[in-house]
PDB file of all heavy atoms in Angstrom:
ATOM      1  N   ARG A   1       0.742  -1.189   0.016  1.00  0.00           N
ATOM      2  CA  ARG A   1       0.015   0.067   0.064  1.00  0.00           C
ATOM      3  C   ARG A   1       0.849   1.304  -0.029  1.00  0.00           C
ATOM      4  O   ARG A   1       0.356   2.368  -0.157  1.00  0.00           O
ATOM      5  CB  ARG A   1      -0.987  -0.001   1.212  1.00  0.00           C
ATOM      6  CG  ARG A   1      -2.000  -1.035   1.163  1.00  0.00           C
ATOM      7  CD  ARG A   1      -3.070  -0.800   2.278  1.00  0.00           C
ATOM      8  NE  ARG A   1      -4.199  -1.685   1.927  1.00  0.00           N
ATOM      9  CZ  ARG A   1      -5.302  -1.723   2.760  1.00  0.00           C
ATOM     10  NH1 ARG A   1      -5.378  -0.906   3.850  1.00  0.00           N
ATOM     11  NH2 ARG A   1      -6.348  -2.512   2.409  1.00  0.00           N
ATOM     12  N   GLY A   2       2.179   1.042   0.288  1.00  0.00           N
ATOM     13  CA  GLY A   2       2.964   2.272   0.327  1.00  0.00           C
ATOM     14  C   GLY A   2       4.215   2.025   1.126  1.00  0.00           C
ATOM     15  O   GLY A   2       4.176   1.243   2.125  1.00  0.00           O
ATOM     16  N   LEU A   3       5.282   2.671   0.813  1.00  0.00           N
ATOM     17  CA  LEU A   3       6.502   2.419   1.537  1.00  0.00           C
ATOM     18  C   LEU A   3       6.405   2.657   3.044  1.00  0.00           C
ATOM     19  O   LEU A   3       6.992   1.886   3.754  1.00  0.00           O
ATOM     20  CB  LEU A   3       7.672   3.356   0.859  1.00  0.00           C
ATOM     21  CG  LEU A   3       9.032   3.273   1.539  1.00  0.00           C
ATOM     22  CD1 LEU A   3       9.619   1.814   1.431  1.00  0.00           C
ATOM     23  CD2 LEU A   3       9.994   4.328   1.043  1.00  0.00           C
ATOM     24  N   ASP A   4       5.676   3.680   3.371  1.00  0.00           N
ATOM     25  CA  ASP A   4       5.624   3.972   4.885  1.00  0.00           C
ATOM     26  C   ASP A   4       4.416   3.271   5.589  1.00  0.00           C
ATOM     27  O   ASP A   4       4.310   3.511   6.747  1.00  0.00           O
ATOM     28  CB  ASP A   4       5.489   5.518   4.987  1.00  0.00           C
ATOM     29  CG  ASP A   4       6.919   6.198   4.767  1.00  0.00           C
ATOM     30  OD1 ASP A   4       7.847   5.617   5.039  1.00  0.00           O
ATOM     31  OD2 ASP A   4       6.797   7.347   4.294  1.00  0.00           O
ATOM     32  N   ALA A   5       3.643   2.536   4.877  1.00  0.00           N
ATOM     33  CA  ALA A   5       2.462   2.057   5.514  1.00  0.00           C
ATOM     34  C   ALA A   5       2.750   1.205   6.762  1.00  0.00           C
ATOM     35  O   ALA A   5       2.183   1.360   7.835  1.00  0.00           O
ATOM     36  CB  ALA A   5       1.601   1.204   4.463  1.00  0.00           C
ATOM     37  N   PRO A   6       3.732   0.211   6.629  1.00  0.00           N
ATOM     38  CA  PRO A   6       4.074  -0.614   7.809  1.00  0.00           C
ATOM     39  C   PRO A   6       4.675   0.275   8.914  1.00  0.00           C
ATOM     40  O   PRO A   6       4.490  -0.149  10.111  1.00  0.00           O
ATOM     41  CB  PRO A   6       5.094  -1.648   7.356  1.00  0.00           C
ATOM     42  CG  PRO A   6       4.770  -1.704   5.759  1.00  0.00           C
ATOM     43  CD  PRO A   6       4.370  -0.347   5.434  1.00  0.00           C
ATOM     44  N   ARG A   7       5.359   1.343   8.458  1.00  0.00           N
ATOM     45  CA  ARG A   7       6.023   2.163   9.541  1.00  0.00           C
ATOM     46  C   ARG A   7       4.975   2.914  10.350  1.00  0.00           C
ATOM     47  O   ARG A   7       5.350   3.422  11.464  1.00  0.00           O
ATOM     48  CB  ARG A   7       7.034   3.191   8.847  1.00  0.00           C
ATOM     49  CG  ARG A   7       8.074   3.691   9.793  1.00  0.00           C
ATOM     50  CD  ARG A   7       9.170   4.287   8.955  1.00  0.00           C
ATOM     51  NE  ARG A   7       8.841   5.505   8.211  1.00  0.00           N
ATOM     52  CZ  ARG A   7       8.923   6.717   8.761  1.00  0.00           C
ATOM     53  NH1 ARG A   7       9.335   6.881   9.989  1.00  0.00           N
ATOM     54  NH2 ARG A   7       8.485   7.829   8.054  1.00  0.00           N
ATOM     55  N   PHE A   8       3.767   3.087   9.898  1.00  0.00           N
ATOM     56  CA  PHE A   8       2.753   3.751  10.641  1.00  0.00           C
ATOM     57  C   PHE A   8       1.737   2.753  11.126  1.00  0.00           C
ATOM     58  O   PHE A   8       0.717   3.155  11.578  1.00  0.00           O
ATOM     59  CB  PHE A   8       2.113   4.750   9.749  1.00  0.00           C
ATOM     60  CG  PHE A   8       2.838   6.031   9.544  1.00  0.00           C
ATOM     61  CD1 PHE A   8       3.812   6.119   8.506  1.00  0.00           C
ATOM     62  CD2 PHE A   8       2.847   7.113  10.477  1.00  0.00           C
ATOM     63  CE1 PHE A   8       4.518   7.251   8.227  1.00  0.00           C
ATOM     64  CE2 PHE A   8       3.566   8.187  10.313  1.00  0.00           C
ATOM     65  CZ  PHE A   8       4.464   8.313   9.123  1.00  0.00           C
ATOM     66  N   GLY A   9       2.119   1.404  10.952  1.00  0.00           N
ATOM     67  CA  GLY A   9       1.282   0.359  11.406  1.00  0.00           C
ATOM     68  C   GLY A   9       2.124  -0.565  12.435  1.00  0.00           C
ATOM     69  O   GLY A   9       2.560   0.009  13.432  1.00  0.00           O
ATOM     70  N   PRO A  10       2.209  -1.766  12.245  1.00  0.00           N
ATOM     71  CA  PRO A  10       2.875  -2.728  13.157  1.00  0.00           C
ATOM     72  C   PRO A  10       4.366  -2.360  13.397  1.00  0.00           C
ATOM     73  O   PRO A  10       4.961  -2.726  14.363  1.00  0.00           O
ATOM     74  CB  PRO A  10       2.611  -4.105  12.606  1.00  0.00           C
ATOM     75  CG  PRO A  10       2.474  -3.887  11.147  1.00  0.00           C
ATOM     76  CD  PRO A  10       1.698  -2.537  11.115  1.00  0.00           C
ATOM     77  N   MET A  11       4.938  -1.635  12.383  1.00  0.00           N
ATOM     78  CA  MET A  11       6.394  -1.379  12.548  1.00  0.00           C
ATOM     79  C   MET A  11       6.637   0.146  13.069  1.00  0.00           C
ATOM     80  O   MET A  11       7.684   0.638  12.941  1.00  0.00           O
ATOM     81  CB  MET A  11       7.175  -1.536  11.221  1.00  0.00           C
ATOM     82  CG  MET A  11       7.063  -2.937  10.767  1.00  0.00           C
ATOM     83  SD  MET A  11       7.993  -3.206   9.214  1.00  0.00           S
ATOM     84  CE  MET A  11       9.689  -2.914   9.667  1.00  0.00           C
ATOM     85  N   LYS A  12       5.644   0.644  13.708  1.00  0.00           N
ATOM     86  CA  LYS A  12       5.779   2.032  14.200  1.00  0.00           C
ATOM     87  C   LYS A  12       6.850   2.089  15.323  1.00  0.00           C
ATOM     88  O   LYS A  12       6.872   1.229  16.191  1.00  0.00           O
ATOM     89  CB  LYS A  12       4.463   2.658  14.634  1.00  0.00           C
ATOM     90  CG  LYS A  12       3.819   1.931  15.793  1.00  0.00           C
ATOM     91  CD  LYS A  12       2.488   2.610  16.139  1.00  0.00           C
ATOM     92  CE  LYS A  12       1.713   1.795  17.221  1.00  0.00           C
ATOM     93  NZ  LYS A  12       1.214   0.492  16.683  1.00  0.00           N
ATOM     94  N   PRO A  13       7.724   3.170  15.360  1.00  0.00           N
ATOM     95  CA  PRO A  13       8.826   3.239  16.400  1.00  0.00           C
ATOM     96  C   PRO A  13       8.387   4.077  17.572  1.00  0.00           C
ATOM     97  O   PRO A  13       9.257   4.212  18.391  1.00  0.00           O
ATOM     98  CB  PRO A  13       9.957   3.850  15.476  1.00  0.00           C
ATOM     99  CG  PRO A  13       9.239   4.741  14.599  1.00  0.00           C
ATOM    100  CD  PRO A  13       7.858   4.145  14.241  1.00  0.00           C
ATOM    101  N   VAL A  14       7.216   4.614  17.602  1.00  0.00           N
ATOM    102  CA  VAL A  14       6.920   5.603  18.605  1.00  0.00           C
ATOM    103  C   VAL A  14       6.946   4.949  19.934  1.00  0.00           C
ATOM    104  O   VAL A  14       6.622   3.800  20.186  1.00  0.00           O
ATOM    105  CB  VAL A  14       5.474   6.222  18.358  1.00  0.00           C
ATOM    106  CG1 VAL A  14       5.450   6.966  17.103  1.00  0.00           C
ATOM    107  CG2 VAL A  14       4.398   5.129  18.367  1.00  0.00           C
ATOM    108  N   GLY A  15       7.438   5.843  20.920  1.00  0.00           N
ATOM    109  CA  GLY A  15       7.476   5.399  22.362  1.00  0.00           C
ATOM    110  C   GLY A  15       8.657   4.412  22.618  1.00  0.00           C
ATOM    111  O   GLY A  15       8.741   3.852  23.607  1.00  0.00           O
ATOM    112  N   LEU A  16       9.676   4.358  21.723  1.00  0.00           N
ATOM    113  CA  LEU A  16      10.828   3.514  21.795  1.00  0.00           C
ATOM    114  C   LEU A  16      12.092   4.219  21.565  1.00  0.00           C
ATOM    115  O   LEU A  16      12.106   5.115  20.701  1.00  0.00           O
ATOM    116  CB  LEU A  16      10.753   2.286  20.831  1.00  0.00           C
ATOM    117  CG  LEU A  16       9.672   1.292  21.067  1.00  0.00           C
ATOM    118  CD1 LEU A  16       9.470   0.400  19.854  1.00  0.00           C
ATOM    119  CD2 LEU A  16       9.718   0.543  22.372  1.00  0.00           C
ATOM    120  N   ILE A  17      13.101   4.012  22.367  1.00  0.00           N
ATOM    121  CA  ILE A  17      14.430   4.553  22.152  1.00  0.00           C
ATOM    122  C   ILE A  17      15.467   3.433  22.097  1.00  0.00           C
ATOM    123  O   ILE A  17      15.472   2.623  22.980  1.00  0.00           O
ATOM    124  CB  ILE A  17      14.837   5.561  23.356  1.00  0.00           C
ATOM    125  CG1 ILE A  17      13.834   6.739  23.467  1.00  0.00           C
ATOM    126  CG2 ILE A  17      16.266   6.049  23.232  1.00  0.00           C
ATOM    127  CD1 ILE A  17      13.823   7.657  22.153  1.00  0.00           C
ATOM    128  N   ASP A  18      16.267   3.351  21.017  1.00  0.00           N
ATOM    129  CA  ASP A  18      17.184   2.366  20.931  1.00  0.00           C
ATOM    130  C   ASP A  18      18.407   2.759  21.669  1.00  0.00           C
ATOM    131  O   ASP A  18      19.088   3.826  21.574  1.00  0.00           O
ATOM    132  CB  ASP A  18      17.662   2.418  19.344  1.00  0.00           C
ATOM    133  CG  ASP A  18      18.715   1.299  19.099  1.00  0.00           C
ATOM    134  OD1 ASP A  18      19.178   0.716  19.966  1.00  0.00           O
ATOM    135  OD2 ASP A  18      18.993   1.107  17.890  1.00  0.00           O
ATOM    136  N   PRO A  19      18.706   1.910  22.706  1.00  0.00           N
ATOM    137  CA  PRO A  19      19.871   2.250  23.621  1.00  0.00           C
ATOM    138  C   PRO A  19      21.230   2.276  22.922  1.00  0.00           C
ATOM    139  O   PRO A  19      22.231   2.864  23.453  1.00  0.00           O
ATOM    140  CB  PRO A  19      19.816   1.167  24.624  1.00  0.00           C
ATOM    141  CG  PRO A  19      19.129   0.035  24.012  1.00  0.00           C
ATOM    142  CD  PRO A  19      18.102   0.606  23.076  1.00  0.00           C
ATOM    143  N   ASN A  20      21.341   1.738  21.646  1.00  0.00           N
ATOM    144  CA  ASN A  20      22.603   1.701  20.944  1.00  0.00           C
ATOM    145  C   ASN A  20      22.804   3.082  20.222  1.00  0.00           C
ATOM    146  O   ASN A  20      24.005   3.483  20.029  1.00  0.00           O
ATOM    147  CB  ASN A  20      22.551   0.623  19.968  1.00  0.00           C
ATOM    148  CG  ASN A  20      22.725  -0.648  20.534  1.00  0.00           C
ATOM    149  OD1 ASN A  20      23.600  -0.943  21.399  1.00  0.00           O
ATOM    150  ND2 ASN A  20      22.036  -1.703  19.965  1.00  0.00           N
ATOM    151  N   THR A  21      21.718   3.804  20.065  1.00  0.00           N
ATOM    152  CA  THR A  21      21.812   5.102  19.312  1.00  0.00           C
ATOM    153  C   THR A  21      21.310   6.207  20.221  1.00  0.00           C
ATOM    154  O   THR A  21      21.633   7.467  19.958  1.00  0.00           O
ATOM    155  CB  THR A  21      21.065   5.126  18.037  1.00  0.00           C
ATOM    156  OG1 THR A  21      19.648   4.985  18.391  1.00  0.00           O
ATOM    157  CG2 THR A  21      21.606   4.051  17.128  1.00  0.00           C
ATOM    158  N   ASN A  22      20.485   5.946  21.292  1.00  0.00           N
ATOM    159  CA  ASN A  22      19.856   6.899  22.113  1.00  0.00           C
ATOM    160  C   ASN A  22      18.859   7.778  21.289  1.00  0.00           C
ATOM    161  O   ASN A  22      18.483   8.960  21.656  1.00  0.00           O
ATOM    162  CB  ASN A  22      20.859   7.864  22.867  1.00  0.00           C
ATOM    163  CG  ASN A  22      21.552   7.125  23.862  1.00  0.00           C
ATOM    164  OD1 ASN A  22      21.060   6.289  24.623  1.00  0.00           O
ATOM    165  ND2 ASN A  22      22.881   7.443  24.013  1.00  0.00           N
ATOM    166  N   HIS A  23      18.387   7.259  20.160  1.00  0.00           N
ATOM    167  CA  HIS A  23      17.378   7.946  19.325  1.00  0.00           C
ATOM    168  C   HIS A  23      16.231   6.945  19.054  1.00  0.00           C
ATOM    169  O   HIS A  23      16.366   5.720  19.030  1.00  0.00           O
ATOM    170  CB  HIS A  23      18.014   8.429  18.054  1.00  0.00           C
ATOM    171  CG  HIS A  23      18.983   9.477  18.248  1.00  0.00           C
ATOM    172  ND1 HIS A  23      18.728  10.762  18.644  1.00  0.00           N
ATOM    173  CD2 HIS A  23      20.432   9.452  18.064  1.00  0.00           C
ATOM    174  CE1 HIS A  23      19.810  11.471  18.706  1.00  0.00           C
ATOM    175  NE2 HIS A  23      20.810  10.758  18.349  1.00  0.00           N
ATOM    176  N   ARG A  24      15.088   7.479  18.645  1.00  0.00           N
ATOM    177  CA  ARG A  24      14.045   6.704  18.166  1.00  0.00           C
ATOM    178  C   ARG A  24      14.372   6.029  16.744  1.00  0.00           C
ATOM    179  O   ARG A  24      14.932   6.747  15.966  1.00  0.00           O
ATOM    180  CB  ARG A  24      12.810   7.523  18.036  1.00  0.00           C
ATOM    181  CG  ARG A  24      11.542   6.772  17.679  1.00  0.00           C
ATOM    182  CD  ARG A  24      10.215   7.547  17.681  1.00  0.00           C
ATOM    183  NE  ARG A  24      10.182   8.261  16.359  1.00  0.00           N
ATOM    184  CZ  ARG A  24       9.203   9.044  16.033  1.00  0.00           C
ATOM    185  NH1 ARG A  24       8.119   9.199  16.881  1.00  0.00           N
ATOM    186  NH2 ARG A  24       9.072   9.602  14.842  1.00  0.00           N
ATOM    187  N   PRO A  25      14.247   4.765  16.539  1.00  0.00           N
ATOM    188  CA  PRO A  25      14.394   4.083  15.292  1.00  0.00           C
ATOM    189  C   PRO A  25      13.641   4.746  14.216  1.00  0.00           C
ATOM    190  O   PRO A  25      12.488   5.349  14.492  1.00  0.00           O
ATOM    191  CB  PRO A  25      14.186   2.661  15.669  1.00  0.00           C
ATOM    192  CG  PRO A  25      14.044   2.459  17.055  1.00  0.00           C
ATOM    193  CD  PRO A  25      13.614   3.737  17.667  1.00  0.00           C
ATOM    194  N   TRP A  26      13.968   4.444  12.950  1.00  0.00           N
ATOM    195  CA  TRP A  26      13.264   4.760  11.850  1.00  0.00           C
ATOM    196  C   TRP A  26      11.959   3.940  11.817  1.00  0.00           C
ATOM    197  O   TRP A  26      10.874   4.406  11.427  1.00  0.00           O
ATOM    198  CB  TRP A  26      14.061   4.615  10.522  1.00  0.00           C
ATOM    199  CG  TRP A  26      13.323   5.079   9.377  1.00  0.00           C
ATOM    200  CD1 TRP A  26      12.771   4.325   8.387  1.00  0.00           C
ATOM    201  CD2 TRP A  26      13.055   6.476   8.897  1.00  0.00           C
ATOM    202  NE1 TRP A  26      12.125   5.086   7.416  1.00  0.00           N
ATOM    203  CE2 TRP A  26      12.388   6.344   7.646  1.00  0.00           C
ATOM    204  CE3 TRP A  26      13.363   7.714   9.406  1.00  0.00           C
ATOM    205  CZ2 TRP A  26      11.870   7.504   7.014  1.00  0.00           C
ATOM    206  CZ3 TRP A  26      12.957   8.811   8.814  1.00  0.00           C
ATOM    207  CH2 TRP A  26      12.216   8.745   7.529  1.00  0.00           C
ATOM    208  N   ALA A  27      12.125   2.700  12.081  1.00  0.00           N
ATOM    209  CA  ALA A  27      10.985   1.787  12.248  1.00  0.00           C
ATOM    210  C   ALA A  27      11.431   0.596  13.170  1.00  0.00           C
ATOM    211  O   ALA A  27      12.636   0.506  13.535  1.00  0.00           O
ATOM    212  CB  ALA A  27      10.706   1.099  10.811  1.00  0.00           C
ATOM    213  N   CYS A  28      10.441  -0.216  13.598  1.00  0.00           N
ATOM    214  CA  CYS A  28      10.816  -1.184  14.556  1.00  0.00           C
ATOM    215  C   CYS A  28       9.886  -2.341  14.504  1.00  0.00           C
ATOM    216  O   CYS A  28       8.636  -2.124  14.320  1.00  0.00           O
ATOM    217  CB  CYS A  28      10.734  -0.548  15.905  1.00  0.00           C
ATOM    218  SG  CYS A  28      11.421  -1.597  17.325  1.00  0.00           S
ATOM    219  N   VAL A  29      10.375  -3.557  14.579  1.00  0.00           N
ATOM    220  CA  VAL A  29       9.513  -4.695  14.740  1.00  0.00           C
ATOM    221  C   VAL A  29       9.591  -5.121  16.257  1.00  0.00           C
ATOM    222  O   VAL A  29      10.726  -5.275  16.813  1.00  0.00           O
ATOM    223  CB  VAL A  29      10.065  -5.891  13.859  1.00  0.00           C
ATOM    224  CG1 VAL A  29       9.278  -7.200  14.218  1.00  0.00           C
ATOM    225  CG2 VAL A  29       9.963  -5.557  12.420  1.00  0.00           C
TER     226      VAL A  29
END
């Protein structure tokens, strides 16, 4: 449906901080 569709669905990164980067990931499983 579109490149960003999963990133705004089950792969959304909101509410998460990657301890390896101290930033929110671009996407997350």
